[in-house]
Protein backbone atom coordinates (compact mmCIF):
# COMPACT_ATOMS: atom_id res chain seq x y z
CA MET A 1 -95.32 56.12 60.12
CA LEU A 2 -92.95 54.54 57.64
CA HIS A 3 -91.18 56.38 54.82
CA ASP A 4 -88.77 55.30 52.11
CA PHE A 5 -86.08 57.81 51.29
CA SER A 6 -85.06 57.81 47.61
CA SER A 7 -81.47 58.74 48.32
CA ASP A 8 -79.03 58.97 51.13
CA GLY A 9 -78.08 62.19 52.89
CA PHE A 10 -79.44 64.54 55.58
CA PHE A 11 -83.14 65.31 55.70
CA GLN A 12 -85.26 67.67 57.94
CA VAL A 13 -88.17 65.76 59.45
CA LYS A 14 -90.94 67.84 61.05
CA ARG A 15 -93.75 66.51 63.22
CA LYS A 16 -96.80 68.67 63.97
CA VAL A 17 -99.50 67.66 66.50
CA ARG A 18 -102.79 69.19 67.83
CA GLY A 19 -104.26 68.67 71.26
CA ASP A 20 -107.84 67.86 72.07
CA ARG A 21 -108.55 71.54 72.75
CA GLY A 22 -107.32 72.54 69.26
CA CYS A 23 -103.84 73.72 70.19
CA TRP A 24 -100.94 72.94 67.74
CA ASP A 25 -97.27 72.30 68.33
CA SER A 26 -94.42 70.93 66.16
CA VAL A 27 -90.87 69.59 66.34
CA THR A 28 -88.21 69.43 63.59
CA ARG A 29 -85.20 67.12 63.61
CA GLN A 30 -82.44 66.31 61.11
CA VAL A 31 -82.31 62.69 60.01
CA GLN A 32 -79.32 61.09 58.25
CA VAL A 33 -80.12 58.36 55.70
CA TYR A 34 -77.09 56.10 55.25
CA PRO A 35 -76.09 54.87 51.76
CA LEU A 36 -76.40 51.25 50.60
CA PRO A 37 -73.30 49.58 49.13
CA ALA A 38 -73.13 49.64 45.31
CA ASN A 39 -72.28 46.06 44.41
CA GLY A 40 -70.28 44.85 41.41
CA PHE A 41 -67.56 42.39 40.49
CA THR A 42 -65.22 41.29 37.72
CA HIS A 43 -64.14 37.75 36.85
CA ILE A 44 -61.50 35.95 34.78
CA ASP A 45 -60.70 32.34 33.78
CA THR A 46 -64.15 31.06 32.88
CA CYS A 47 -63.13 27.79 31.23
CA PHE A 48 -64.44 24.56 32.70
CA THR A 49 -61.99 23.00 35.18
CA ASP A 50 -60.17 26.34 35.49
CA ILE A 51 -60.18 28.23 38.79
CA THR A 52 -62.41 31.26 38.21
CA GLN A 53 -61.08 34.36 39.92
CA LEU A 54 -63.66 36.90 41.13
CA ALA A 55 -62.92 40.38 42.39
CA SER A 56 -65.40 42.68 44.06
CA THR A 57 -65.71 46.23 42.73
CA SER A 58 -68.35 47.09 45.34
CA THR A 59 -68.16 50.51 47.00
CA SER A 60 -70.05 52.57 49.50
CA THR A 61 -69.90 56.34 49.90
CA LEU A 62 -69.89 55.83 53.66
CA GLY A 63 -69.10 52.91 55.91
CA MET A 64 -66.09 51.40 54.25
CA PRO A 65 -64.68 48.77 54.34
CA LEU A 66 -67.34 46.36 53.27
CA THR A 67 -67.87 42.78 54.31
CA HIS A 68 -68.53 40.30 51.49
CA VAL A 69 -70.50 37.07 51.35
CA TRP A 70 -70.45 35.18 48.04
CA THR A 71 -72.59 32.22 47.08
CA LEU A 72 -70.96 30.27 44.23
CA ASP A 73 -72.23 26.90 43.07
CA GLY A 74 -73.86 26.32 46.47
CA THR A 75 -70.72 27.24 48.41
CA ASN A 76 -70.23 30.41 50.51
CA TYR A 77 -67.04 32.43 50.36
CA TYR A 78 -66.02 35.44 52.44
CA GLY A 79 -63.80 38.27 51.39
CA PRO A 80 -63.53 40.47 48.30
CA ASN A 81 -61.59 38.04 46.03
CA PRO A 82 -62.80 34.42 46.07
CA ALA A 83 -61.62 31.70 43.69
CA HIS A 84 -63.87 28.83 42.67
CA THR A 85 -63.91 25.89 40.25
CA PHE A 86 -67.41 25.41 38.87
CA SER A 87 -68.77 21.88 38.66
CA SER A 88 -70.40 22.21 35.24
CA VAL A 89 -70.38 24.27 32.10
CA GLY A 90 -73.04 26.78 31.11
CA THR A 91 -74.77 29.61 32.96
CA GLN A 92 -73.74 29.98 36.61
CA THR A 93 -75.39 32.32 39.13
CA ILE A 94 -73.19 34.56 41.28
CA ARG A 95 -74.74 36.00 44.46
CA LEU A 96 -72.84 38.76 46.24
CA GLU A 97 -74.05 40.34 49.50
CA THR A 98 -72.13 43.24 51.01
CA GLU A 99 -72.56 45.21 54.22
CA ASN A 100 -70.91 48.47 55.19
CA THR A 101 -69.88 49.50 58.72
CA LEU A 102 -73.16 51.37 59.11
CA GLY A 103 -75.05 48.09 58.83
CA CYS A 104 -76.47 48.79 55.40
CA ARG A 105 -76.60 45.80 53.06
CA ASP A 106 -77.05 45.21 49.35
CA THR A 107 -77.30 42.03 47.30
CA LEU A 108 -76.30 41.52 43.65
CA VAL A 109 -77.33 38.43 41.67
CA GLN A 110 -75.66 38.07 38.28
CA ASN A 111 -75.03 35.24 35.82
CA ILE A 112 -71.72 34.32 34.17
CA GLU A 113 -70.98 31.72 31.47
CA ILE A 114 -68.55 28.85 32.10
CA GLU A 115 -67.22 27.77 28.70
CA PRO A 116 -66.52 24.13 27.77
CA LEU A 117 -63.05 22.83 26.96
CA PRO A 118 -62.33 21.59 23.44
CA ASN A 119 -63.03 17.92 22.88
CA VAL A 120 -59.57 17.03 21.56
CA ASN A 121 -59.04 14.06 19.28
CA PHE A 122 -56.96 13.15 16.24
CA SER A 123 -56.72 10.35 13.71
CA PHE A 124 -53.88 8.94 11.62
CA ASP A 125 -53.26 6.50 8.82
CA ASN A 126 -51.30 3.29 9.23
CA ILE A 127 -47.73 4.38 9.95
CA CYS A 128 -44.68 2.70 8.43
CA GLU A 129 -41.07 3.43 9.18
CA ARG A 130 -39.21 5.66 6.69
CA GLN A 131 -42.50 6.82 5.17
CA GLU A 132 -44.37 10.07 5.76
CA ALA A 133 -47.03 9.73 8.47
CA PHE A 134 -50.10 12.00 8.54
CA PHE A 135 -52.01 13.10 11.65
CA TYR A 136 -55.41 14.82 11.32
CA ASP A 137 -57.09 17.02 13.96
CA ASN A 138 -60.65 15.81 14.71
CA SER A 139 -61.29 18.12 17.67
CA THR A 140 -64.72 19.64 18.28
CA THR A 141 -65.67 22.59 20.46
CA LYS A 142 -68.18 25.29 21.18
CA GLY A 143 -67.11 28.18 18.99
CA SER A 144 -64.03 27.22 16.96
CA VAL A 145 -60.58 25.76 17.45
CA THR A 146 -58.02 28.52 17.01
CA ASN A 147 -54.68 27.02 18.03
CA TRP A 148 -52.94 23.64 17.77
CA LYS A 149 -49.76 22.20 19.23
CA TRP A 150 -48.38 18.75 18.36
CA ASP A 151 -45.88 16.99 20.62
CA VAL A 152 -44.06 13.77 19.72
CA LYS A 153 -41.98 12.12 22.43
CA ASN A 154 -42.51 15.23 24.62
CA ARG A 155 -41.04 17.51 21.98
CA THR A 156 -43.11 20.14 20.18
CA VAL A 157 -42.98 19.50 16.44
CA SER A 158 -45.77 21.61 14.88
CA PHE A 159 -48.35 24.36 15.42
CA LEU A 160 -50.42 23.52 12.34
CA GLU A 161 -53.91 22.03 12.30
CA ASP A 162 -52.64 18.76 10.78
CA HIS A 163 -49.16 17.31 11.12
CA SER A 164 -46.91 15.05 9.08
CA GLN A 165 -43.48 13.59 9.75
CA VAL A 166 -41.26 10.61 8.97
CA PHE A 167 -40.39 8.05 11.66
CA ASN A 168 -37.12 6.39 10.72
CA VAL A 169 -37.28 3.64 13.33
CA ALA A 170 -40.19 1.29 14.04
CA GLY A 171 -41.61 1.31 17.57
CA ASN A 172 -44.13 3.05 19.84
CA TYR A 173 -44.28 6.82 20.15
CA PRO A 174 -46.42 9.12 22.37
CA VAL A 175 -48.20 11.75 20.27
CA LYS A 176 -50.11 14.58 21.99
CA LEU A 177 -52.36 17.24 20.47
CA THR A 178 -53.20 20.38 22.48
CA THR A 179 -55.88 22.75 21.16
CA SER A 180 -57.52 25.96 22.34
CA ASN A 181 -60.79 27.53 21.27
CA ASN A 182 -61.81 31.13 20.75
CA PHE A 183 -62.80 31.38 24.44
CA GLY A 184 -59.20 30.63 25.40
CA CYS A 185 -60.08 27.20 26.81
CA ILE A 186 -57.32 24.62 26.41
CA ASP A 187 -57.27 20.84 26.55
CA SER A 188 -55.09 18.02 25.18
CA PHE A 189 -55.25 14.39 24.11
CA GLU A 190 -52.38 11.90 23.97
CA GLN A 191 -52.19 8.40 22.57
CA GLN A 192 -49.47 5.87 21.84
CA ILE A 193 -49.00 5.26 18.12
CA THR A 194 -47.21 2.29 16.58
CA VAL A 195 -44.74 2.72 13.74
CA TRP A 196 -44.60 -0.61 11.91
CA PRO A 197 -41.43 -2.02 10.34
CA LYS A 198 -41.25 -1.60 6.61
CA ALA A 199 -40.80 -4.57 4.31
CA LEU A 200 -37.38 -4.73 2.65
CA ALA A 201 -37.54 -5.47 -1.06
CA ARG A 202 -34.40 -7.03 -2.55
CA PHE A 203 -33.78 -9.89 -4.98
CA ASN A 204 -31.05 -11.92 -6.63
CA VAL A 205 -30.82 -12.89 -10.31
CA TYR A 206 -29.73 -16.28 -11.59
CA PRO A 207 -27.74 -16.86 -13.73
CA LYS A 208 -25.54 -13.80 -13.51
CA GLU A 209 -25.00 -13.68 -17.29
CA ILE A 210 -28.02 -14.23 -19.50
CA PHE A 211 -27.85 -14.73 -23.28
CA ILE A 212 -30.74 -14.62 -25.70
CA THR A 213 -30.04 -18.22 -26.66
CA GLU A 214 -31.11 -19.18 -23.13
CA PRO A 215 -33.25 -16.23 -21.96
CA TYR A 216 -34.54 -17.86 -18.77
CA VAL A 217 -34.18 -15.89 -15.55
CA ASN A 218 -34.72 -17.04 -11.99
CA LEU A 219 -35.57 -14.16 -9.64
CA VAL A 220 -35.43 -14.86 -5.88
CA GLN A 221 -36.44 -12.36 -3.22
CA ASP A 222 -33.69 -11.63 -0.69
CA GLY A 223 -35.34 -9.02 1.55
CA ALA A 224 -36.97 -9.09 4.98
CA ASN A 225 -40.21 -8.37 6.88
CA ALA A 226 -42.37 -9.30 3.89
CA ASN A 227 -44.97 -11.94 3.14
CA SER A 228 -46.14 -10.93 -0.33
CA TRP A 229 -44.18 -10.05 -3.45
CA GLU A 230 -45.24 -8.57 -6.78
CA TRP A 231 -42.90 -8.73 -9.79
CA ARG A 232 -42.90 -6.65 -12.94
CA PHE A 233 -40.37 -7.76 -15.57
CA GLY A 234 -40.06 -4.64 -17.71
CA ASP A 235 -41.03 -6.34 -20.99
CA LEU A 236 -44.82 -5.65 -21.04
CA SER A 237 -45.58 -9.16 -19.82
CA ASP A 238 -48.08 -9.81 -17.00
CA ASP A 239 -47.04 -9.27 -13.39
CA GLU A 240 -46.40 -12.31 -11.22
CA ASN A 241 -46.47 -12.94 -7.48
CA GLY A 242 -44.45 -15.01 -5.07
CA PRO A 243 -41.05 -15.10 -3.38
CA GLU A 244 -39.44 -16.76 -6.43
CA VAL A 245 -40.37 -16.52 -10.12
CA PHE A 246 -39.05 -17.73 -13.47
CA HIS A 247 -39.29 -15.62 -16.57
CA GLU A 248 -38.38 -15.95 -20.24
CA TYR A 249 -37.38 -12.78 -22.10
CA PRO A 250 -38.37 -12.50 -25.76
CA ASP A 251 -35.43 -10.44 -26.96
CA THR A 252 -32.11 -8.96 -26.09
CA GLY A 253 -31.93 -5.68 -24.21
CA LEU A 254 -31.80 -4.01 -20.84
CA PHE A 255 -34.93 -4.64 -18.74
CA ASN A 256 -35.83 -2.80 -15.55
CA VAL A 257 -37.31 -5.33 -13.10
CA ARG A 258 -39.45 -4.02 -10.24
CA LEU A 259 -40.22 -5.89 -7.02
CA ILE A 260 -42.83 -4.63 -4.52
CA ALA A 261 -42.55 -6.41 -1.17
CA ASN A 262 -45.37 -5.98 1.35
CA ASN A 263 -46.38 -7.19 4.82
CA ASP A 264 -49.53 -7.51 6.93
CA ASN A 265 -49.22 -3.90 8.09
CA GLY A 266 -49.25 -2.54 4.54
CA CYS A 267 -45.70 -1.23 4.86
CA ALA A 268 -44.42 -1.85 1.34
CA ASP A 269 -41.01 -1.33 -0.22
CA THR A 270 -40.00 -1.15 -3.88
CA PHE A 271 -36.74 -2.29 -5.40
CA TYR A 272 -35.51 -2.00 -9.01
CA ARG A 273 -32.73 -3.85 -10.78
CA ASN A 274 -31.66 -3.89 -14.43
CA ILE A 275 -31.30 -7.23 -16.17
CA LEU A 276 -29.25 -7.43 -19.35
CA ILE A 277 -30.19 -10.06 -21.91
CA LYS A 278 -27.06 -10.31 -24.02
CA PRO A 279 -26.80 -11.25 -27.67
CA ASP A 280 -25.07 -14.60 -28.19
CA LEU A 281 -22.74 -13.51 -30.96
CA ARG A 282 -20.29 -16.37 -31.64
CA ILE A 283 -18.82 -16.10 -35.11
CA PHE A 284 -17.30 -19.04 -37.00
CA ILE A 285 -15.46 -18.30 -40.27
CA PRO A 286 -14.72 -21.24 -42.59
CA ASN A 287 -11.24 -21.47 -44.18
CA ALA A 288 -12.38 -23.02 -47.47
CA PHE A 289 -15.44 -23.48 -49.71
CA SER A 290 -16.29 -25.06 -53.10
CA PRO A 291 -18.24 -22.70 -55.37
CA GLY A 292 -19.78 -23.80 -58.66
CA GLY A 293 -22.73 -25.78 -59.91
CA GLY A 294 -21.14 -29.19 -59.37
CA ASN A 295 -21.32 -28.98 -55.60
CA ASP A 296 -24.30 -28.95 -53.27
CA VAL A 297 -22.63 -28.15 -49.95
CA ASN A 298 -20.32 -25.43 -48.78
CA THR A 299 -20.85 -23.50 -52.02
CA VAL A 300 -20.67 -19.96 -50.60
CA PHE A 301 -18.42 -18.15 -48.19
CA ARG A 302 -19.93 -16.35 -45.22
CA PRO A 303 -19.54 -16.34 -41.44
CA GLY A 304 -21.57 -18.82 -39.42
CA GLY A 305 -22.04 -19.65 -35.77
CA THR A 306 -24.46 -18.08 -33.29
CA LEU A 307 -25.43 -14.71 -34.69
CA HIS A 308 -28.07 -13.58 -32.17
CA GLY A 309 -27.63 -9.85 -31.65
CA LEU A 310 -25.97 -9.19 -34.98
CA LYS A 311 -26.92 -5.74 -36.20
CA LYS A 312 -24.71 -5.19 -39.24
CA MET A 313 -21.97 -6.96 -41.19
CA GLU A 314 -19.56 -5.85 -43.88
CA MET A 315 -17.44 -8.39 -45.77
CA SER A 316 -14.73 -7.72 -48.35
CA ILE A 317 -12.77 -10.28 -50.39
CA TYR A 318 -9.34 -9.50 -51.90
CA THR A 319 -6.87 -11.30 -54.11
CA ARG A 320 -3.45 -12.05 -52.78
CA TRP A 321 -2.30 -8.88 -54.55
CA GLY A 322 -4.89 -6.69 -52.75
CA GLU A 323 -7.46 -6.35 -55.50
CA LEU A 324 -11.05 -6.05 -54.15
CA ILE A 325 -13.19 -8.65 -55.90
CA PHE A 326 -16.26 -8.79 -53.62
CA HIS A 327 -18.01 -6.56 -51.07
CA SER A 328 -21.28 -7.10 -49.18
CA GLU A 329 -23.09 -5.35 -46.31
CA ASP A 330 -25.84 -7.95 -46.08
CA ILE A 331 -25.46 -11.14 -44.04
CA ASN A 332 -27.82 -12.77 -46.52
CA ASN A 333 -25.58 -11.90 -49.45
CA PRO A 334 -22.54 -14.24 -49.15
CA TRP A 335 -19.66 -14.57 -51.67
CA ASP A 336 -20.44 -17.24 -54.23
CA GLY A 337 -16.89 -17.35 -55.68
CA MET A 338 -17.79 -15.15 -58.64
CA TYR A 339 -15.91 -12.14 -59.91
CA GLN A 340 -17.08 -10.17 -62.92
CA GLY A 341 -19.49 -12.99 -63.80
CA LYS A 342 -16.96 -15.81 -63.67
CA LEU A 343 -15.78 -18.24 -61.03
CA VAL A 344 -12.44 -17.30 -59.63
CA GLN A 345 -9.45 -19.58 -59.86
CA ASN A 346 -8.63 -22.11 -57.19
CA GLY A 347 -6.38 -20.58 -54.61
CA THR A 348 -6.17 -18.50 -51.45
CA TYR A 349 -8.02 -15.20 -51.01
CA LEU A 350 -8.06 -12.62 -48.24
CA TYR A 351 -11.22 -11.67 -46.33
CA VAL A 352 -11.90 -8.67 -44.04
CA LEU A 353 -15.01 -8.88 -41.88
CA LYS A 354 -16.52 -6.05 -39.85
CA VAL A 355 -19.41 -6.94 -37.46
CA LYS A 356 -21.56 -4.63 -35.31
CA ASP A 357 -23.85 -5.95 -32.56
CA ILE A 358 -27.03 -4.41 -31.22
CA TYR A 359 -25.05 -2.39 -28.67
CA ASN A 360 -23.00 -0.89 -31.52
CA ASP A 361 -19.88 -2.70 -30.44
CA VAL A 362 -17.72 -3.39 -33.52
CA PHE A 363 -15.62 -6.52 -34.07
CA HIS A 364 -13.01 -7.00 -36.83
CA PHE A 365 -11.96 -10.32 -38.33
CA SER A 366 -9.49 -11.03 -41.13
CA GLY A 367 -7.82 -14.07 -42.61
CA THR A 368 -7.62 -16.29 -45.68
CA VAL A 369 -10.09 -18.59 -47.36
CA THR A 370 -9.24 -21.22 -49.97
CA VAL A 371 -11.35 -21.77 -53.07
CA VAL A 372 -11.50 -25.42 -54.04
CA LYS A 373 -13.56 -26.39 -57.12
């Protein structure tokens, strides 16, 4: 006869028999049913490529200590605390068989999940020296990325999702991004990045002094690491390209010239320089004139010469005794030798001339002029 006991412990077992003549007899004995082990385990470090630590929590009310046989990923381990690196991600089956000293065995089969590492990657724009470089995290993972660490030249520089910095010197730099996901799984990715030399934008101006009477400027690039140049002259004219340009300015003034120098790596530089187009104010004052209707040349008195850049002029004429006989604030209103409606007498007269240029610089001239009729 076979019987399954539902629990361990001591049980009274009685056997009663009858002979072929109808006589009965019985025997009673105490039977001890031994307990089975109660299997269980805990585990930590379930990221792919990590060493997963397992620890048995199995117990038995009698017959301790237990022996342990684990089957992990097709490999057997013995002892209560095996360590194993699983060969793939996903659901993994753990089989634990224990036996107590009474020879009673139990088997536990349980699944655990091995989580994937983040797939770490990052991108960046073309990087030029002395300009801000931007690095963008492109990592993917099961779950979500929760932490970032950026290292440049083996030095940690940021814990943000994206990173930016300025490289002052061209060259090659190792950049590494380490990320972890919400399962605590960590991985990293490193690549060499190239910081390209920046073009140097500089230029010279010829001639050094430029007057409106000859407003032609020769601009010659004087930089380095560039193979294209874009010029803007600061006078609303069209931009021009090339290492050397000529330009004619339409007026006097201070013009801010911009040069953008670029190279094949797109590492541009910008340089500004002011160019002053000066007025060509060269005043000539005659020392005599012949007013009156009988003459056809040199009939009025006014300053001549090169008057480019003249903003304002005041002219006063006096007799030798200091009497004011003429005053004008208009360059187009010269002295015609008249005073109070009549021609003045032949002789010497005093003039005082005050001139202001477009930069509000004031020049004073004085002297004598002779009237000859």
